[in-house]
Amino acid sequence: MSDENKNQASVAPEAANTSGNAAEPETAKEDTRSDSLLDFDDDDPLSATAVSKKTLVIFFLIDTSGSMKGKKMGELNTVMEELIPEIRRVGEADTDVKIAVLTFSTNVRWMYSQPVSIENFEWARLRADGVTSMGEAFKELAARMSRNSFMSSPSLSFAPVIFLMTDGYPSDDYKEGLAALQANSWYKFGLKAALGIGNEANDDMLAEFTESKDTVVHAYSGNQLANMIKIVAVTASQIGSKSMTLSDESNQELSEEDVYASKQKQLGKQIQELVGKSNDTNDVPFDTGW
């Protein structure tokens, strides 16, 4: 990892606490609106209440292994710098959007030691080196997605957006790390998407992470990489920051599980529609001539 990445946090030694006694619920003034918001205690993700200020954390999990060196990492750094101003326009006035970037190669590192408000976030350019410790990245994310760590906002939170980007297959046991994530309530109800970069990325493996093939996209060139990152990140942020309507068109009450399943389905549908309109066949593929 480059020296440019400041304030990196050490890897958490323990897995996320997804069991145990529920925390005392936060008190909020009763709101008669039809919109509702999930207050995730680590072991009770379905305690719904209304608040005046909501937080959305967008997690970027980025492969910085040696195979990303060169054009892939250069393009990724450029598009992420361009993406931040676009995300600043996402969300309503009462939504506090925060960014957390976890990189993984031989080691896993956070770009900053805590999620940073989008208004203050500055992209620190990444460098590529080492192997692909994706399983360790999953474990670290599971450990940090907790009220005791990165999800400790004083206001209640939307379920997070989690966006994975990689150009290859993990060099460690990713299934063990994925199991740790799947036991985490924030991951369970979060909006998940993944981007495969180049010819070696395995979309089937990425679909295990997202739990939906519709939220997996692929980029074979620089232009495609820029388009895919913007499409996924902006679309997921827009959907993730919407308040939940707990009734369907027939005014039947929906469960929180149904609401989040609907959001994930909506994300997949919108991503695939936008991807279908953005194909660029004239761009030079990553794996040709470099």
Protein backbone atom coordinates (compact mmCIF):
# COMPACT_ATOMS: atom_id res chain seq x y z
CA MET A 1 0.00 0.00 0.00
CA SER A 2 1.26 3.46 -0.83
CA ASP A 3 2.52 5.90 1.78
CA GLU A 4 -0.18 8.18 0.41
CA ASN A 5 -2.83 6.24 2.34
CA LYS A 6 -3.08 8.08 5.62
CA ASN A 7 -4.51 7.19 9.01
CA GLN A 8 -4.78 3.51 8.26
CA ALA A 9 -6.39 1.39 10.95
CA SER A 10 -4.94 -1.92 12.03
CA VAL A 11 -6.86 -5.05 11.13
CA ALA A 12 -9.44 -5.83 13.77
CA PRO A 13 -8.59 -9.12 15.52
CA GLU A 14 -12.15 -10.10 16.27
CA ALA A 15 -15.14 -10.85 14.09
CA ALA A 16 -18.24 -8.67 14.19
CA ASN A 17 -20.55 -9.23 17.14
CA THR A 18 -23.80 -10.47 15.67
CA SER A 19 -25.10 -12.23 18.73
CA GLY A 20 -25.68 -11.43 22.36
CA ASN A 21 -28.05 -9.13 24.15
CA ALA A 22 -29.77 -6.41 22.16
CA ALA A 23 -28.80 -2.84 22.94
CA GLU A 24 -31.37 -0.50 24.42
CA PRO A 25 -33.40 1.09 21.60
CA GLU A 26 -32.78 4.75 20.84
CA THR A 27 -35.66 7.12 21.67
CA ALA A 28 -37.08 9.15 18.83
CA LYS A 29 -40.07 11.45 18.54
CA GLU A 30 -43.02 9.64 17.06
CA ASP A 31 -43.42 10.35 13.35
CA THR A 32 -46.66 9.76 11.52
CA ARG A 33 -45.07 9.52 8.07
CA SER A 34 -45.29 6.27 6.11
CA ASP A 35 -41.51 6.18 5.66
CA SER A 36 -39.44 4.27 8.18
CA LEU A 37 -35.78 3.54 8.83
CA LEU A 38 -33.96 0.58 10.27
CA ASP A 39 -32.01 1.08 13.49
CA PHE A 40 -29.47 -1.73 13.43
CA ASP A 41 -28.47 -2.98 16.82
CA ASP A 42 -25.85 -5.55 15.92
CA ASP A 43 -28.09 -8.45 16.90
CA ASP A 44 -31.47 -6.83 16.12
CA PRO A 45 -31.45 -5.28 12.64
CA LEU A 46 -35.22 -5.02 12.37
CA SER A 47 -35.90 -2.46 15.08
CA ALA A 48 -37.55 0.27 13.00
CA THR A 49 -37.94 3.88 14.08
CA ALA A 50 -38.04 7.35 12.55
CA VAL A 51 -35.32 10.00 12.86
CA SER A 52 -34.60 13.47 11.56
CA LYS A 53 -31.00 12.76 10.48
CA LYS A 54 -29.93 9.57 8.72
CA THR A 55 -26.49 8.22 7.89
CA LEU A 56 -25.53 6.18 4.82
CA VAL A 57 -22.06 4.59 4.81
CA ILE A 58 -20.73 3.56 1.40
CA PHE A 59 -18.01 0.90 1.65
CA PHE A 60 -15.60 0.45 -1.26
CA LEU A 61 -13.59 -2.80 -1.13
CA ILE A 62 -10.78 -2.42 -3.67
CA ASP A 63 -8.27 -5.00 -4.91
CA THR A 64 -4.78 -3.45 -4.91
CA SER A 65 -2.85 -6.66 -5.68
CA GLY A 66 0.01 -6.70 -8.19
CA SER A 67 -2.22 -7.69 -11.10
CA MET A 68 -3.97 -4.30 -10.80
CA LYS A 69 -0.71 -2.48 -11.51
CA GLY A 70 -0.59 -0.17 -14.50
CA LYS A 71 -3.61 0.96 -16.48
CA LYS A 72 -6.19 -0.73 -14.23
CA MET A 73 -5.07 1.05 -11.08
CA GLY A 74 -4.45 4.29 -12.94
CA GLU A 75 -7.97 4.31 -14.37
CA LEU A 76 -9.49 3.32 -11.04
CA ASN A 77 -7.73 6.17 -9.20
CA THR A 78 -8.87 8.67 -11.82
CA VAL A 79 -12.51 7.62 -11.84
CA MET A 80 -12.71 7.52 -8.03
CA GLU A 81 -11.42 11.10 -7.90
CA GLU A 82 -14.15 12.06 -10.38
CA LEU A 83 -16.80 10.04 -8.56
CA ILE A 84 -16.64 11.79 -5.17
CA PRO A 85 -18.25 15.07 -6.37
CA GLU A 86 -21.05 13.04 -8.00
CA ILE A 87 -21.79 11.18 -4.77
CA ARG A 88 -21.92 14.52 -2.92
CA ARG A 89 -25.11 15.23 -4.85
CA VAL A 90 -26.69 11.94 -3.79
CA GLY A 91 -29.17 11.70 -0.96
CA GLU A 92 -31.64 14.07 0.57
CA ALA A 93 -30.83 17.06 2.75
CA ASP A 94 -31.33 14.97 5.88
CA THR A 95 -28.91 12.23 4.76
CA ASP A 96 -25.30 12.21 5.96
CA VAL A 97 -23.33 10.21 3.37
CA LYS A 98 -20.00 8.80 4.54
CA ILE A 99 -17.25 6.95 2.65
CA ALA A 100 -15.06 4.08 3.89
CA VAL A 101 -12.41 2.53 1.62
CA LEU A 102 -10.86 -0.86 2.42
CA THR A 103 -7.99 -2.00 0.19
CA PHE A 104 -6.68 -5.55 0.03
CA SER A 105 -3.49 -7.04 -1.36
CA THR A 106 -1.04 -8.97 0.82
CA ASN A 107 -2.44 -6.94 3.71
CA VAL A 108 -5.79 -5.23 4.23
CA ARG A 109 -5.88 -1.51 5.06
CA TRP A 110 -8.41 1.26 5.49
CA MET A 111 -7.72 4.46 3.60
CA TYR A 112 -8.88 6.38 6.68
CA SER A 113 -9.36 5.13 10.22
CA GLN A 114 -13.08 5.99 10.25
CA PRO A 115 -15.77 6.61 7.62
CA VAL A 116 -15.41 10.18 6.36
CA SER A 117 -18.27 12.52 5.51
CA ILE A 118 -18.55 12.92 1.74
CA GLU A 119 -18.19 16.68 2.17
CA ASN A 120 -14.69 16.22 3.64
CA PHE A 121 -13.54 13.08 1.84
CA GLU A 122 -10.37 13.27 -0.28
CA TRP A 123 -9.27 10.34 -2.43
CA ALA A 124 -5.74 9.09 -1.64
CA ARG A 125 -4.32 7.53 -4.80
CA LEU A 126 -3.67 3.80 -4.51
CA ARG A 127 -0.76 1.67 -5.71
CA ALA A 128 -0.84 -2.01 -6.60
CA ASP A 129 1.41 -4.76 -5.22
CA GLY A 130 1.20 -8.18 -3.58
CA VAL A 131 -1.39 -10.97 -3.58
CA THR A 132 -5.20 -10.91 -3.27
CA SER A 133 -6.23 -11.38 0.38
CA MET A 134 -9.95 -11.03 -0.26
CA GLY A 135 -10.99 -13.38 2.53
CA GLU A 136 -9.11 -11.26 5.06
CA ALA A 137 -10.81 -8.17 3.65
CA PHE A 138 -14.21 -9.79 4.21
CA LYS A 139 -13.30 -10.60 7.82
CA GLU A 140 -12.10 -7.05 8.43
CA LEU A 141 -15.26 -5.58 6.96
CA ALA A 142 -17.39 -7.87 9.14
CA ALA A 143 -15.47 -6.74 12.20
CA ARG A 144 -15.89 -3.04 11.42
CA MET A 145 -19.57 -3.13 10.45
CA SER A 146 -20.70 -2.87 14.06
CA ARG A 147 -22.25 -0.28 16.37
CA ASN A 148 -19.02 -0.59 18.33
CA SER A 149 -16.97 0.53 15.33
CA PHE A 150 -17.79 2.04 11.93
CA MET A 151 -21.58 2.07 12.36
CA SER A 152 -21.55 4.10 15.58
CA SER A 153 -23.20 7.22 14.15
CA PRO A 154 -25.17 9.15 16.77
CA SER A 155 -28.05 9.23 14.31
CA LEU A 156 -29.72 6.10 12.99
CA SER A 157 -28.43 4.59 9.79
CA PHE A 158 -29.59 3.25 6.50
CA ALA A 159 -28.18 -0.18 5.74
CA PRO A 160 -24.81 0.37 4.03
CA VAL A 161 -23.85 0.21 0.38
CA ILE A 162 -20.99 -2.30 -0.17
CA PHE A 163 -19.13 -2.18 -3.49
CA LEU A 164 -16.40 -4.77 -4.25
CA MET A 165 -13.89 -4.30 -7.10
CA THR A 166 -11.32 -6.92 -8.14
CA ASP A 167 -9.47 -8.20 -11.20
CA GLY A 168 -8.78 -11.75 -10.10
CA TYR A 169 -9.48 -14.72 -7.87
CA PRO A 170 -8.66 -14.57 -4.12
CA SER A 171 -5.32 -15.97 -2.99
CA ASP A 172 -6.76 -16.89 0.42
CA ASP A 173 -9.90 -18.63 1.70
CA TYR A 174 -12.55 -16.11 0.70
CA LYS A 175 -15.38 -18.46 1.72
CA GLU A 176 -14.33 -18.30 5.37
CA GLY A 177 -14.32 -14.52 5.21
CA LEU A 178 -17.64 -14.47 3.36
CA ALA A 179 -19.18 -16.63 6.09
CA ALA A 180 -18.15 -14.02 8.65
CA LEU A 181 -19.82 -11.34 6.55
CA GLN A 182 -22.99 -13.37 6.10
CA ALA A 183 -23.36 -13.54 9.89
CA ASN A 184 -23.29 -9.72 10.04
CA SER A 185 -26.68 -7.98 10.11
CA TRP A 186 -25.43 -4.88 8.29
CA TYR A 187 -24.15 -7.01 5.41
CA LYS A 188 -27.35 -9.03 5.33
CA PHE A 189 -29.50 -5.97 4.72
CA GLY A 190 -26.96 -3.84 2.85
CA LEU A 191 -27.01 -3.09 -0.86
CA LYS A 192 -24.22 -5.17 -2.40
CA ALA A 193 -22.60 -4.83 -5.84
CA ALA A 194 -19.37 -6.05 -7.44
CA LEU A 195 -17.21 -5.15 -10.42
CA GLY A 196 -14.95 -7.63 -12.18
CA ILE A 197 -11.99 -5.98 -13.94
CA GLY A 198 -10.29 -7.66 -16.92
CA ASN A 199 -10.34 -11.24 -18.15
CA GLU A 200 -9.31 -12.99 -14.91
CA ALA A 201 -12.12 -11.76 -12.64
CA ASN A 202 -14.63 -14.47 -11.78
CA ASP A 203 -18.21 -13.20 -11.98
CA ASP A 204 -19.63 -16.35 -10.37
CA MET A 205 -17.49 -15.79 -7.30
CA LEU A 206 -18.53 -12.13 -7.20
CA ALA A 207 -22.19 -13.20 -7.33
CA GLU A 208 -21.57 -15.19 -4.14
CA PHE A 209 -20.64 -11.89 -2.52
CA THR A 210 -23.56 -9.86 -3.87
CA GLU A 211 -26.07 -12.74 -3.66
CA SER A 212 -27.40 -11.62 -7.05
CA LYS A 213 -25.93 -11.89 -10.55
CA ASP A 214 -27.80 -8.73 -11.53
CA THR A 215 -25.58 -6.62 -9.27
CA VAL A 216 -22.34 -7.98 -10.77
CA VAL A 217 -20.86 -6.04 -13.70
CA HIS A 218 -17.65 -6.44 -15.70
CA ALA A 219 -15.16 -4.04 -17.27
CA TYR A 220 -12.62 -5.07 -19.91
CA SER A 221 -11.24 -1.61 -20.72
CA GLY A 222 -10.56 1.79 -19.19
CA ASN A 223 -13.72 3.41 -20.51
CA GLN A 224 -15.83 0.49 -19.32
CA LEU A 225 -14.19 0.65 -15.88
CA ALA A 226 -15.03 4.34 -15.51
CA ASN A 227 -18.61 3.78 -16.68
CA MET A 228 -19.23 0.73 -14.49
CA ILE A 229 -17.87 2.35 -11.31
CA LYS A 230 -20.01 5.45 -11.81
CA ILE A 231 -23.13 3.50 -12.72
CA VAL A 232 -22.89 1.16 -9.74
CA ALA A 233 -21.75 3.67 -7.12
CA VAL A 234 -24.20 6.43 -7.99
CA THR A 235 -27.18 4.11 -8.51
CA ALA A 236 -26.54 2.21 -5.28
CA SER A 237 -26.11 5.46 -3.36
CA GLN A 238 -29.36 6.86 -4.71
CA ILE A 239 -31.34 3.73 -3.83
CA GLY A 240 -29.59 3.22 -0.50
CA SER A 241 -30.40 6.77 0.70
CA LYS A 242 -34.13 6.50 0.02
CA SER A 243 -36.42 6.21 3.01
CA MET A 244 -38.35 2.95 3.11
CA THR A 245 -42.04 2.85 2.35
CA LEU A 246 -43.45 0.03 4.43
CA SER A 247 -46.52 -0.60 2.26
CA ASP A 248 -47.06 -1.83 -1.26
CA GLU A 249 -49.45 -0.56 -3.93
CA SER A 250 -52.36 -2.35 -2.27
CA ASN A 251 -51.53 -0.66 1.07
CA GLN A 252 -50.46 -3.99 2.57
CA GLU A 253 -47.73 -3.59 5.16
CA LEU A 254 -44.35 -4.94 4.08
CA SER A 255 -41.70 -6.38 6.35
CA GLU A 256 -38.26 -4.79 6.54
CA GLU A 257 -36.86 -7.91 4.88
CA ASP A 258 -39.20 -7.33 1.93
CA VAL A 259 -38.20 -3.68 1.71
CA TYR A 260 -34.49 -4.43 1.55
CA ALA A 261 -35.04 -7.28 -0.91
CA SER A 262 -36.97 -4.83 -3.05
CA LYS A 263 -34.13 -2.31 -2.90
CA GLN A 264 -31.57 -4.95 -3.93
CA LYS A 265 -33.82 -6.04 -6.81
CA GLN A 266 -34.28 -2.43 -7.88
CA LEU A 267 -30.51 -1.93 -7.80
CA GLY A 268 -29.92 -4.93 -10.06
CA LYS A 269 -32.57 -3.84 -12.52
CA GLN A 270 -31.30 -0.27 -12.80
CA ILE A 271 -27.66 -1.35 -13.08
CA GLN A 272 -28.40 -3.79 -15.88
CA GLU A 273 -30.48 -1.21 -17.76
CA LEU A 274 -27.73 1.40 -17.53
CA VAL A 275 -24.97 -1.08 -18.39
CA GLY A 276 -26.89 -2.11 -21.51
CA LYS A 277 -26.84 1.49 -22.71
CA SER A 278 -23.14 2.11 -22.04
CA ASN A 279 -21.29 -0.52 -24.10
CA ASP A 280 -18.13 0.87 -25.73
CA THR A 281 -16.74 -1.52 -28.33
CA ASN A 282 -13.99 0.86 -29.54
CA ASP A 283 -11.99 0.95 -26.31
CA VAL A 284 -8.73 -1.05 -26.00
CA PRO A 285 -9.08 -3.97 -23.53
CA PHE A 286 -6.94 -4.01 -20.38
CA ASP A 287 -5.35 -7.35 -21.22
CA THR A 288 -4.12 -6.31 -24.68
CA GLY A 289 -0.75 -4.70 -25.23
CA TRP A 290 0.19 -3.64 -21.73
